[in-house]
All heavy atoms as atom14 arrays in JSON, in Angstrom:
{
  "sequence": "RIAGDPRLREMDVKVYVDGQKLKFGAALARLGLTPEQRQKFDDIQAE",
  "atom14_mask": [
    [1, 1, 1, 1, 1, 1, 1, 1, 1, 1, 1, 0, 0, 0],
    [1, 1, 1, 1, 1, 1, 1, 1, 0, 0, 0, 0, 0, 0],
    [1, 1, 1, 1, 1, 0, 0, 0, 0, 0, 0, 0, 0, 0],
    [1, 1, 1, 1, 0, 0, 0, 0, 0, 0, 0, 0, 0, 0],
    [1, 1, 1, 1, 1, 1, 1, 1, 0, 0, 0, 0, 0, 0],
    [1, 1, 1, 1, 1, 1, 1, 0, 0, 0, 0, 0, 0, 0],
    [1, 1, 1, 1, 1, 1, 1, 1, 1, 1, 1, 0, 0, 0],
    [1, 1, 1, 1, 1, 1, 1, 1, 0, 0, 0, 0, 0, 0],
    [1, 1, 1, 1, 1, 1, 1, 1, 1, 1, 1, 0, 0, 0],
    [1, 1, 1, 1, 1, 1, 1, 1, 1, 0, 0, 0, 0, 0],
    [1, 1, 1, 1, 1, 1, 1, 1, 0, 0, 0, 0, 0, 0],
    [1, 1, 1, 1, 1, 1, 1, 1, 0, 0, 0, 0, 0, 0],
    [1, 1, 1, 1, 1, 1, 1, 0, 0, 0, 0, 0, 0, 0],
    [1, 1, 1, 1, 1, 1, 1, 1, 1, 0, 0, 0, 0, 0],
    [1, 1, 1, 1, 1, 1, 1, 0, 0, 0, 0, 0, 0, 0],
    [1, 1, 1, 1, 1, 1, 1, 1, 1, 1, 1, 1, 0, 0],
    [1, 1, 1, 1, 1, 1, 1, 0, 0, 0, 0, 0, 0, 0],
    [1, 1, 1, 1, 1, 1, 1, 1, 0, 0, 0, 0, 0, 0],
    [1, 1, 1, 1, 0, 0, 0, 0, 0, 0, 0, 0, 0, 0],
    [1, 1, 1, 1, 1, 1, 1, 1, 1, 0, 0, 0, 0, 0],
    [1, 1, 1, 1, 1, 1, 1, 1, 1, 0, 0, 0, 0, 0],
    [1, 1, 1, 1, 1, 1, 1, 1, 0, 0, 0, 0, 0, 0],
    [1, 1, 1, 1, 1, 1, 1, 1, 1, 0, 0, 0, 0, 0],
    [1, 1, 1, 1, 1, 1, 1, 1, 1, 1, 1, 0, 0, 0],
    [1, 1, 1, 1, 0, 0, 0, 0, 0, 0, 0, 0, 0, 0],
    [1, 1, 1, 1, 1, 0, 0, 0, 0, 0, 0, 0, 0, 0],
    [1, 1, 1, 1, 1, 0, 0, 0, 0, 0, 0, 0, 0, 0],
    [1, 1, 1, 1, 1, 1, 1, 1, 0, 0, 0, 0, 0, 0],
    [1, 1, 1, 1, 1, 0, 0, 0, 0, 0, 0, 0, 0, 0],
    [1, 1, 1, 1, 1, 1, 1, 1, 1, 1, 1, 0, 0, 0],
    [1, 1, 1, 1, 1, 1, 1, 1, 0, 0, 0, 0, 0, 0],
    [1, 1, 1, 1, 0, 0, 0, 0, 0, 0, 0, 0, 0, 0],
    [1, 1, 1, 1, 1, 1, 1, 1, 0, 0, 0, 0, 0, 0],
    [1, 1, 1, 1, 1, 1, 1, 0, 0, 0, 0, 0, 0, 0],
    [1, 1, 1, 1, 1, 1, 1, 0, 0, 0, 0, 0, 0, 0],
    [1, 1, 1, 1, 1, 1, 1, 1, 1, 0, 0, 0, 0, 0],
    [1, 1, 1, 1, 1, 1, 1, 1, 1, 0, 0, 0, 0, 0],
    [1, 1, 1, 1, 1, 1, 1, 1, 1, 1, 1, 0, 0, 0],
    [1, 1, 1, 1, 1, 1, 1, 1, 1, 0, 0, 0, 0, 0],
    [1, 1, 1, 1, 1, 1, 1, 1, 1, 0, 0, 0, 0, 0],
    [1, 1, 1, 1, 1, 1, 1, 1, 1, 1, 1, 0, 0, 0],
    [1, 1, 1, 1, 1, 1, 1, 1, 0, 0, 0, 0, 0, 0],
    [1, 1, 1, 1, 1, 1, 1, 1, 0, 0, 0, 0, 0, 0],
    [1, 1, 1, 1, 1, 1, 1, 1, 0, 0, 0, 0, 0, 0],
    [1, 1, 1, 1, 1, 1, 1, 1, 1, 0, 0, 0, 0, 0],
    [1, 1, 1, 1, 1, 0, 0, 0, 0, 0, 0, 0, 0, 0],
    [1, 1, 1, 1, 1, 1, 1, 1, 1, 0, 0, 0, 0, 0]
  ],
  "atom14_positions": [
    [[201.33, 94.21, 59.06], [201.79, 92.83, 59.07], [202.28, 92.43, 60.46], [202.0, 91.33, 60.95], [202.91, 92.63, 58.05], [203.41, 91.19, 58.09], [204.5, 90.91, 57.09], [204.99, 89.54, 57.29], [206.01, 89.04, 56.64], [206.65, 89.74, 55.74], [206.4, 87.79, 56.88], [0.0, 0.0, 0.0], [0.0, 0.0, 0.0], [0.0, 0.0, 0.0]],
    [[203.02, 93.33, 61.1], [203.49, 93.07, 62.46], [202.3, 92.85, 63.39], [202.3, 91.93, 64.22], [204.36, 94.24, 62.96], [205.68, 94.29, 62.19], [204.63, 94.11, 64.47], [206.52, 95.5, 62.51], [0.0, 0.0, 0.0], [0.0, 0.0, 0.0], [0.0, 0.0, 0.0], [0.0, 0.0, 0.0], [0.0, 0.0, 0.0], [0.0, 0.0, 0.0]],
    [[201.26, 93.68, 63.22], [200.08, 93.58, 64.08], [199.4, 92.23, 63.93], [198.84, 91.69, 64.89], [199.09, 94.69, 63.75], [0.0, 0.0, 0.0], [0.0, 0.0, 0.0], [0.0, 0.0, 0.0], [0.0, 0.0, 0.0], [0.0, 0.0, 0.0], [0.0, 0.0, 0.0], [0.0, 0.0, 0.0], [0.0, 0.0, 0.0], [0.0, 0.0, 0.0]],
    [[199.44, 91.66, 62.72], [198.74, 90.42, 62.48], [199.5, 89.17, 62.83], [198.92, 88.07, 62.86], [0.0, 0.0, 0.0], [0.0, 0.0, 0.0], [0.0, 0.0, 0.0], [0.0, 0.0, 0.0], [0.0, 0.0, 0.0], [0.0, 0.0, 0.0], [0.0, 0.0, 0.0], [0.0, 0.0, 0.0], [0.0, 0.0, 0.0], [0.0, 0.0, 0.0]],
    [[200.78, 89.28, 63.1], [201.6, 88.11, 63.44], [201.98, 88.18, 64.92], [202.73, 89.07, 65.32], [202.86, 88.1, 62.57], [203.65, 86.81, 62.71], [203.85, 86.36, 63.86], [204.08, 86.26, 61.68], [0.0, 0.0, 0.0], [0.0, 0.0, 0.0], [0.0, 0.0, 0.0], [0.0, 0.0, 0.0], [0.0, 0.0, 0.0], [0.0, 0.0, 0.0]],
    [[201.47, 87.28, 65.76], [201.74, 87.36, 67.21], [203.23, 87.41, 67.55], [203.62, 88.13, 68.48], [201.09, 86.09, 67.75], [200.03, 85.75, 66.76], [200.58, 86.16, 65.42], [0.0, 0.0, 0.0], [0.0, 0.0, 0.0], [0.0, 0.0, 0.0], [0.0, 0.0, 0.0], [0.0, 0.0, 0.0], [0.0, 0.0, 0.0], [0.0, 0.0, 0.0]],
    [[204.04, 86.67, 66.8], [205.47, 86.65, 67.12], [206.12, 88.0, 66.79], [206.85, 88.56, 67.62], [206.14, 85.55, 66.29], [207.64, 85.4, 66.56], [208.23, 84.26, 65.78], [207.95, 84.39, 64.36], [208.86, 84.17, 63.4], [210.07, 83.82, 63.73], [208.55, 84.3, 62.14], [0.0, 0.0, 0.0], [0.0, 0.0, 0.0], [0.0, 0.0, 0.0]],
    [[205.81, 88.56, 65.62], [206.35, 89.86, 65.26], [205.82, 90.95, 66.18], [206.55, 91.86, 66.57], [205.99, 90.2, 63.81], [206.54, 89.3, 62.72], [206.07, 89.77, 61.36], [208.06, 89.24, 62.77], [0.0, 0.0, 0.0], [0.0, 0.0, 0.0], [0.0, 0.0, 0.0], [0.0, 0.0, 0.0], [0.0, 0.0, 0.0], [0.0, 0.0, 0.0]],
    [[204.56, 90.81, 66.55], [203.93, 91.79, 67.44], [204.65, 91.84, 68.79], [204.95, 92.93, 69.31], [202.46, 91.42, 67.62], [201.62, 92.45, 68.36], [200.22, 91.9, 68.58], [199.35, 92.93, 69.11], [198.49, 93.63, 68.42], [198.38, 93.44, 67.11], [197.74, 94.55, 68.99], [0.0, 0.0, 0.0], [0.0, 0.0, 0.0], [0.0, 0.0, 0.0]],
    [[204.91, 90.7, 69.36], [205.59, 90.64, 70.66], [206.98, 91.26, 70.58], [207.39, 92.02, 71.48], [205.68, 89.19, 71.12], [206.36, 89.02, 72.48], [206.48, 87.57, 72.9], [206.0, 86.69, 72.14], [207.03, 87.31, 73.98], [0.0, 0.0, 0.0], [0.0, 0.0, 0.0], [0.0, 0.0, 0.0], [0.0, 0.0, 0.0], [0.0, 0.0, 0.0]],
    [[207.71, 90.96, 69.5], [209.05, 91.51, 69.34], [209.01, 93.02, 69.17], [209.83, 93.75, 69.74], [209.73, 90.85, 68.14], [210.06, 89.38, 68.35], [210.57, 88.57, 66.82], [212.03, 89.51, 66.42], [0.0, 0.0, 0.0], [0.0, 0.0, 0.0], [0.0, 0.0, 0.0], [0.0, 0.0, 0.0], [0.0, 0.0, 0.0], [0.0, 0.0, 0.0]],
    [[208.06, 93.52, 68.38], [207.96, 94.95, 68.14], [207.64, 95.72, 69.42], [208.23, 96.76, 69.7], [206.87, 95.22, 67.09], [206.67, 96.7, 66.83], [207.41, 97.25, 66.0], [205.79, 97.31, 67.47], [0.0, 0.0, 0.0], [0.0, 0.0, 0.0], [0.0, 0.0, 0.0], [0.0, 0.0, 0.0], [0.0, 0.0, 0.0], [0.0, 0.0, 0.0]],
    [[206.71, 95.2, 70.2], [206.35, 95.86, 71.46], [207.56, 95.9, 72.4], [207.82, 96.91, 73.06], [205.16, 95.14, 72.13], [204.93, 95.67, 73.54], [203.91, 95.31, 71.29], [0.0, 0.0, 0.0], [0.0, 0.0, 0.0], [0.0, 0.0, 0.0], [0.0, 0.0, 0.0], [0.0, 0.0, 0.0], [0.0, 0.0, 0.0], [0.0, 0.0, 0.0]],
    [[208.32, 94.83, 72.44], [209.5, 94.77, 73.3], [210.54, 95.81, 72.87], [211.13, 96.51, 73.71], [210.11, 93.38, 73.25], [211.29, 93.16, 74.19], [211.71, 91.7, 74.15], [212.87, 91.44, 75.12], [214.09, 92.14, 74.67], [0.0, 0.0, 0.0], [0.0, 0.0, 0.0], [0.0, 0.0, 0.0], [0.0, 0.0, 0.0], [0.0, 0.0, 0.0]],
    [[210.75, 95.93, 71.56], [211.7, 96.94, 71.05], [211.23, 98.34, 71.42], [212.02, 99.19, 71.85], [211.85, 96.8, 69.52], [212.59, 98.0, 68.95], [212.62, 95.53, 69.18], [0.0, 0.0, 0.0], [0.0, 0.0, 0.0], [0.0, 0.0, 0.0], [0.0, 0.0, 0.0], [0.0, 0.0, 0.0], [0.0, 0.0, 0.0], [0.0, 0.0, 0.0]],
    [[209.93, 98.6, 71.29], [209.4, 99.93, 71.6], [209.58, 100.26, 73.08], [210.02, 101.37, 73.43], [207.92, 100.01, 71.22], [207.29, 101.34, 71.54], [207.48, 102.44, 70.7], [206.53, 101.52, 72.69], [206.92, 103.67, 71.0], [205.96, 102.75, 73.0], [206.16, 103.82, 72.14], [205.62, 105.04, 72.45], [0.0, 0.0, 0.0], [0.0, 0.0, 0.0]],
    [[209.24, 99.33, 73.95], [209.35, 99.56, 75.39], [210.8, 99.82, 75.78], [211.1, 100.74, 76.56], [208.77, 98.38, 76.18], [209.06, 98.52, 77.68], [207.26, 98.28, 75.97], [0.0, 0.0, 0.0], [0.0, 0.0, 0.0], [0.0, 0.0, 0.0], [0.0, 0.0, 0.0], [0.0, 0.0, 0.0], [0.0, 0.0, 0.0], [0.0, 0.0, 0.0]],
    [[211.73, 99.02, 75.24], [213.15, 99.23, 75.55], [213.62, 100.58, 75.03], [214.44, 101.25, 75.68], [213.99, 98.11, 74.93], [213.91, 96.81, 75.73], [213.43, 96.86, 76.88], [214.31, 95.76, 75.21], [0.0, 0.0, 0.0], [0.0, 0.0, 0.0], [0.0, 0.0, 0.0], [0.0, 0.0, 0.0], [0.0, 0.0, 0.0], [0.0, 0.0, 0.0]],
    [[213.12, 100.99, 73.89], [213.49, 102.3, 73.35], [213.01, 103.44, 74.24], [213.73, 104.43, 74.44], [0.0, 0.0, 0.0], [0.0, 0.0, 0.0], [0.0, 0.0, 0.0], [0.0, 0.0, 0.0], [0.0, 0.0, 0.0], [0.0, 0.0, 0.0], [0.0, 0.0, 0.0], [0.0, 0.0, 0.0], [0.0, 0.0, 0.0], [0.0, 0.0, 0.0]],
    [[211.8, 103.31, 74.8], [211.29, 104.32, 75.72], [212.09, 104.36, 77.02], [212.34, 105.43, 77.59], [209.82, 104.05, 76.03], [208.89, 104.19, 74.82], [208.89, 105.58, 74.23], [209.64, 105.88, 73.32], [208.03, 106.43, 74.76], [0.0, 0.0, 0.0], [0.0, 0.0, 0.0], [0.0, 0.0, 0.0], [0.0, 0.0, 0.0], [0.0, 0.0, 0.0]],
    [[212.51, 103.19, 77.48], [213.37, 103.15, 78.67], [214.65, 103.92, 78.43], [215.13, 104.68, 79.29], [213.71, 101.7, 79.01], [212.63, 100.91, 79.69], [213.16, 99.52, 80.01], [212.12, 98.64, 80.68], [212.65, 97.29, 80.95], [0.0, 0.0, 0.0], [0.0, 0.0, 0.0], [0.0, 0.0, 0.0], [0.0, 0.0, 0.0], [0.0, 0.0, 0.0]],
    [[215.25, 103.72, 77.27], [216.5, 104.38, 76.94], [216.3, 105.88, 76.8], [217.1, 106.68, 77.27], [217.07, 103.79, 75.65], [218.49, 104.18, 75.25], [219.48, 103.71, 76.29], [218.84, 103.6, 73.89], [0.0, 0.0, 0.0], [0.0, 0.0, 0.0], [0.0, 0.0, 0.0], [0.0, 0.0, 0.0], [0.0, 0.0, 0.0], [0.0, 0.0, 0.0]],
    [[215.2, 106.26, 76.15], [214.93, 107.68, 75.89], [214.66, 108.45, 77.18], [215.15, 109.58, 77.35], [213.74, 107.8, 74.95], [213.36, 109.22, 74.59], [212.19, 109.23, 73.63], [211.77, 110.65, 73.27], [210.61, 110.66, 72.32], [0.0, 0.0, 0.0], [0.0, 0.0, 0.0], [0.0, 0.0, 0.0], [0.0, 0.0, 0.0], [0.0, 0.0, 0.0]],
    [[213.89, 107.86, 78.09], [213.45, 108.58, 79.28], [214.12, 108.08, 80.56], [213.69, 108.45, 81.66], [211.94, 108.47, 79.44], [211.16, 109.11, 78.33], [210.32, 108.35, 77.52], [211.26, 110.46, 78.07], [209.6, 108.93, 76.49], [210.54, 111.05, 77.05], [209.71, 110.28, 76.25], [0.0, 0.0, 0.0], [0.0, 0.0, 0.0], [0.0, 0.0, 0.0]],
    [[215.16, 107.26, 80.43], [215.8, 106.67, 81.61], [216.28, 107.69, 82.61], [216.06, 107.55, 83.82], [0.0, 0.0, 0.0], [0.0, 0.0, 0.0], [0.0, 0.0, 0.0], [0.0, 0.0, 0.0], [0.0, 0.0, 0.0], [0.0, 0.0, 0.0], [0.0, 0.0, 0.0], [0.0, 0.0, 0.0], [0.0, 0.0, 0.0], [0.0, 0.0, 0.0]],
    [[216.94, 108.77, 82.13], [217.48, 109.78, 83.04], [216.35, 110.5, 83.78], [216.43, 110.72, 84.99], [218.32, 110.78, 82.26], [0.0, 0.0, 0.0], [0.0, 0.0, 0.0], [0.0, 0.0, 0.0], [0.0, 0.0, 0.0], [0.0, 0.0, 0.0], [0.0, 0.0, 0.0], [0.0, 0.0, 0.0], [0.0, 0.0, 0.0], [0.0, 0.0, 0.0]],
    [[215.29, 110.88, 83.06], [214.17, 111.58, 83.7], [213.47, 110.69, 84.71], [213.11, 111.13, 85.81], [213.18, 112.06, 82.64], [0.0, 0.0, 0.0], [0.0, 0.0, 0.0], [0.0, 0.0, 0.0], [0.0, 0.0, 0.0], [0.0, 0.0, 0.0], [0.0, 0.0, 0.0], [0.0, 0.0, 0.0], [0.0, 0.0, 0.0], [0.0, 0.0, 0.0]],
    [[213.28, 109.42, 84.37], [212.62, 108.5, 85.29], [213.45, 108.29, 86.55], [212.91, 108.19, 87.66], [212.4, 107.15, 84.6], [211.36, 107.15, 83.47], [211.41, 105.84, 82.71], [209.96, 107.4, 84.02], [0.0, 0.0, 0.0], [0.0, 0.0, 0.0], [0.0, 0.0, 0.0], [0.0, 0.0, 0.0], [0.0, 0.0, 0.0], [0.0, 0.0, 0.0]],
    [[214.78, 108.23, 86.4], [215.65, 108.05, 87.56], [215.54, 109.24, 88.52], [215.53, 109.07, 89.74], [217.1, 107.87, 87.11], [0.0, 0.0, 0.0], [0.0, 0.0, 0.0], [0.0, 0.0, 0.0], [0.0, 0.0, 0.0], [0.0, 0.0, 0.0], [0.0, 0.0, 0.0], [0.0, 0.0, 0.0], [0.0, 0.0, 0.0], [0.0, 0.0, 0.0]],
    [[215.42, 110.45, 87.98], [215.32, 111.63, 88.83], [213.98, 111.71, 89.55], [213.87, 112.38, 90.58], [215.57, 112.89, 88.0], [217.03, 113.13, 87.65], [217.23, 114.51, 87.04], [216.66, 114.59, 85.72], [217.28, 114.21, 84.6], [218.49, 113.7, 84.67], [216.71, 114.34, 83.43], [0.0, 0.0, 0.0], [0.0, 0.0, 0.0], [0.0, 0.0, 0.0]],
    [[212.95, 111.05, 89.03], [211.66, 111.07, 89.7], [211.63, 110.15, 90.92], [210.73, 110.26, 91.75], [210.56, 110.63, 88.73], [210.24, 111.58, 87.57], [209.12, 111.0, 86.71], [209.86, 112.96, 88.07], [0.0, 0.0, 0.0], [0.0, 0.0, 0.0], [0.0, 0.0, 0.0], [0.0, 0.0, 0.0], [0.0, 0.0, 0.0], [0.0, 0.0, 0.0]],
    [[212.6, 109.26, 91.03], [212.66, 108.36, 92.18], [211.52, 107.37, 92.24], [210.96, 107.11, 93.31], [0.0, 0.0, 0.0], [0.0, 0.0, 0.0], [0.0, 0.0, 0.0], [0.0, 0.0, 0.0], [0.0, 0.0, 0.0], [0.0, 0.0, 0.0], [0.0, 0.0, 0.0], [0.0, 0.0, 0.0], [0.0, 0.0, 0.0], [0.0, 0.0, 0.0]],
    [[211.15, 106.81, 91.09], [210.03, 105.86, 91.06], [210.39, 104.54, 91.72], [211.55, 104.12, 91.72], [209.62, 105.59, 89.61], [209.19, 106.8, 88.77], [208.81, 106.35, 87.36], [208.03, 107.53, 89.43], [0.0, 0.0, 0.0], [0.0, 0.0, 0.0], [0.0, 0.0, 0.0], [0.0, 0.0, 0.0], [0.0, 0.0, 0.0], [0.0, 0.0, 0.0]],
    [[209.4, 103.89, 92.26], [209.59, 102.55, 92.83], [209.68, 101.55, 91.68], [209.26, 101.84, 90.55], [208.42, 102.17, 93.74], [207.23, 102.07, 92.94], [208.21, 103.21, 94.83], [0.0, 0.0, 0.0], [0.0, 0.0, 0.0], [0.0, 0.0, 0.0], [0.0, 0.0, 0.0], [0.0, 0.0, 0.0], [0.0, 0.0, 0.0], [0.0, 0.0, 0.0]],
    [[210.2, 100.33, 91.96], [210.22, 99.3, 90.89], [208.84, 99.03, 90.33], [208.68, 98.78, 89.13], [210.8, 98.09, 91.62], [211.65, 98.65, 92.72], [210.92, 99.89, 93.17], [0.0, 0.0, 0.0], [0.0, 0.0, 0.0], [0.0, 0.0, 0.0], [0.0, 0.0, 0.0], [0.0, 0.0, 0.0], [0.0, 0.0, 0.0], [0.0, 0.0, 0.0]],
    [[207.81, 99.07, 91.18], [206.45, 98.83, 90.71], [206.0, 99.94, 89.76], [205.34, 99.68, 88.74], [205.48, 98.76, 91.9], [205.65, 97.54, 92.79], [206.86, 97.65, 93.72], [207.41, 98.78, 93.85], [207.25, 96.62, 94.29], [0.0, 0.0, 0.0], [0.0, 0.0, 0.0], [0.0, 0.0, 0.0], [0.0, 0.0, 0.0], [0.0, 0.0, 0.0]],
    [[206.38, 101.19, 90.08], [206.02, 102.3, 89.2], [206.77, 102.23, 87.87], [206.21, 102.54, 86.82], [206.31, 103.63, 89.9], [205.35, 103.96, 91.02], [205.75, 105.21, 91.77], [206.91, 105.39, 92.15], [204.79, 106.11, 91.97], [0.0, 0.0, 0.0], [0.0, 0.0, 0.0], [0.0, 0.0, 0.0], [0.0, 0.0, 0.0], [0.0, 0.0, 0.0]],
    [[208.03, 101.82, 87.93], [208.8, 101.66, 86.69], [208.16, 100.59, 85.81], [208.07, 100.74, 84.58], [210.25, 101.29, 87.01], [211.06, 102.38, 87.68], [211.31, 103.54, 86.73], [212.16, 103.16, 85.63], [213.49, 103.35, 85.61], [214.09, 103.9, 86.65], [214.19, 103.0, 84.56], [0.0, 0.0, 0.0], [0.0, 0.0, 0.0], [0.0, 0.0, 0.0]],
    [[207.7, 99.5, 86.43], [207.03, 98.45, 85.67], [205.72, 98.95, 85.07], [205.39, 98.62, 83.92], [206.77, 97.24, 86.57], [206.1, 96.06, 85.85], [206.92, 95.55, 84.69], [208.09, 95.23, 84.84], [206.31, 95.48, 83.51], [0.0, 0.0, 0.0], [0.0, 0.0, 0.0], [0.0, 0.0, 0.0], [0.0, 0.0, 0.0], [0.0, 0.0, 0.0]],
    [[205.0, 99.76, 85.83], [203.74, 100.32, 85.33], [204.02, 101.24, 84.14], [203.25, 101.25, 83.17], [203.04, 101.1, 86.45], [201.74, 101.78, 86.02], [200.71, 100.8, 85.51], [199.41, 101.49, 85.15], [198.4, 100.58, 84.56], [0.0, 0.0, 0.0], [0.0, 0.0, 0.0], [0.0, 0.0, 0.0], [0.0, 0.0, 0.0], [0.0, 0.0, 0.0]],
    [[205.1, 102.0, 84.21], [205.47, 102.87, 83.08], [205.72, 102.02, 81.83], [205.26, 102.35, 80.74], [206.71, 103.68, 83.43], [207.19, 104.57, 82.31], [206.6, 105.8, 82.07], [208.23, 104.17, 81.49], [207.02, 106.62, 81.03], [208.67, 104.98, 80.45], [208.06, 106.21, 80.22], [0.0, 0.0, 0.0], [0.0, 0.0, 0.0], [0.0, 0.0, 0.0]],
    [[206.45, 100.91, 82.01], [206.68, 100.0, 80.88], [205.37, 99.45, 80.33], [205.2, 99.32, 79.11], [207.59, 98.85, 81.31], [209.01, 99.3, 81.61], [209.36, 100.45, 81.26], [209.77, 98.5, 82.2], [0.0, 0.0, 0.0], [0.0, 0.0, 0.0], [0.0, 0.0, 0.0], [0.0, 0.0, 0.0], [0.0, 0.0, 0.0], [0.0, 0.0, 0.0]],
    [[204.44, 99.12, 81.24], [203.15, 98.59, 80.81], [202.37, 99.62, 79.99], [201.7, 99.27, 79.0], [202.32, 98.16, 82.02], [202.93, 96.97, 82.76], [203.77, 96.26, 82.16], [202.57, 96.76, 83.93], [0.0, 0.0, 0.0], [0.0, 0.0, 0.0], [0.0, 0.0, 0.0], [0.0, 0.0, 0.0], [0.0, 0.0, 0.0], [0.0, 0.0, 0.0]],
    [[202.47, 100.89, 80.39], [201.78, 101.95, 79.65], [202.35, 102.07, 78.24], [201.6, 102.21, 77.26], [201.91, 103.3, 80.4], [201.09, 103.27, 81.69], [201.46, 104.47, 79.52], [201.32, 104.48, 82.59], [0.0, 0.0, 0.0], [0.0, 0.0, 0.0], [0.0, 0.0, 0.0], [0.0, 0.0, 0.0], [0.0, 0.0, 0.0], [0.0, 0.0, 0.0]],
    [[203.67, 101.98, 78.13], [204.31, 102.06, 76.81], [203.92, 100.87, 75.94], [203.66, 101.0, 74.74], [205.83, 102.15, 76.95], [206.34, 103.22, 77.87], [205.68, 104.57, 77.64], [205.64, 105.07, 76.52], [205.16, 105.17, 78.7], [0.0, 0.0, 0.0], [0.0, 0.0, 0.0], [0.0, 0.0, 0.0], [0.0, 0.0, 0.0], [0.0, 0.0, 0.0]],
    [[203.89, 99.69, 76.55], [203.51, 98.48, 75.81], [202.07, 98.58, 75.31], [201.76, 98.22, 74.17], [203.69, 97.24, 76.69], [0.0, 0.0, 0.0], [0.0, 0.0, 0.0], [0.0, 0.0, 0.0], [0.0, 0.0, 0.0], [0.0, 0.0, 0.0], [0.0, 0.0, 0.0], [0.0, 0.0, 0.0], [0.0, 0.0, 0.0], [0.0, 0.0, 0.0]],
    [[201.19, 99.07, 76.17], [199.78, 99.23, 75.8], [199.64, 100.21, 74.64], [198.85, 99.99, 73.71], [198.98, 99.71, 77.0], [197.49, 99.86, 76.73], [196.72, 100.37, 77.94], [197.38, 100.75, 78.94], [195.48, 100.39, 77.89], [0.0, 0.0, 0.0], [0.0, 0.0, 0.0], [0.0, 0.0, 0.0], [0.0, 0.0, 0.0], [0.0, 0.0, 0.0]]
  ]
}
């Protein structure tokens, strides 16, 4: 149902991406990624 409703879909993807940020935030910080790389990581999770 979420997949079929654009509004629910957008909200679900946002929740998932934020959850991945929280889960891997410490590891990502230690890698010293650039802002562009951090954004790309978010894009991978959203995809």
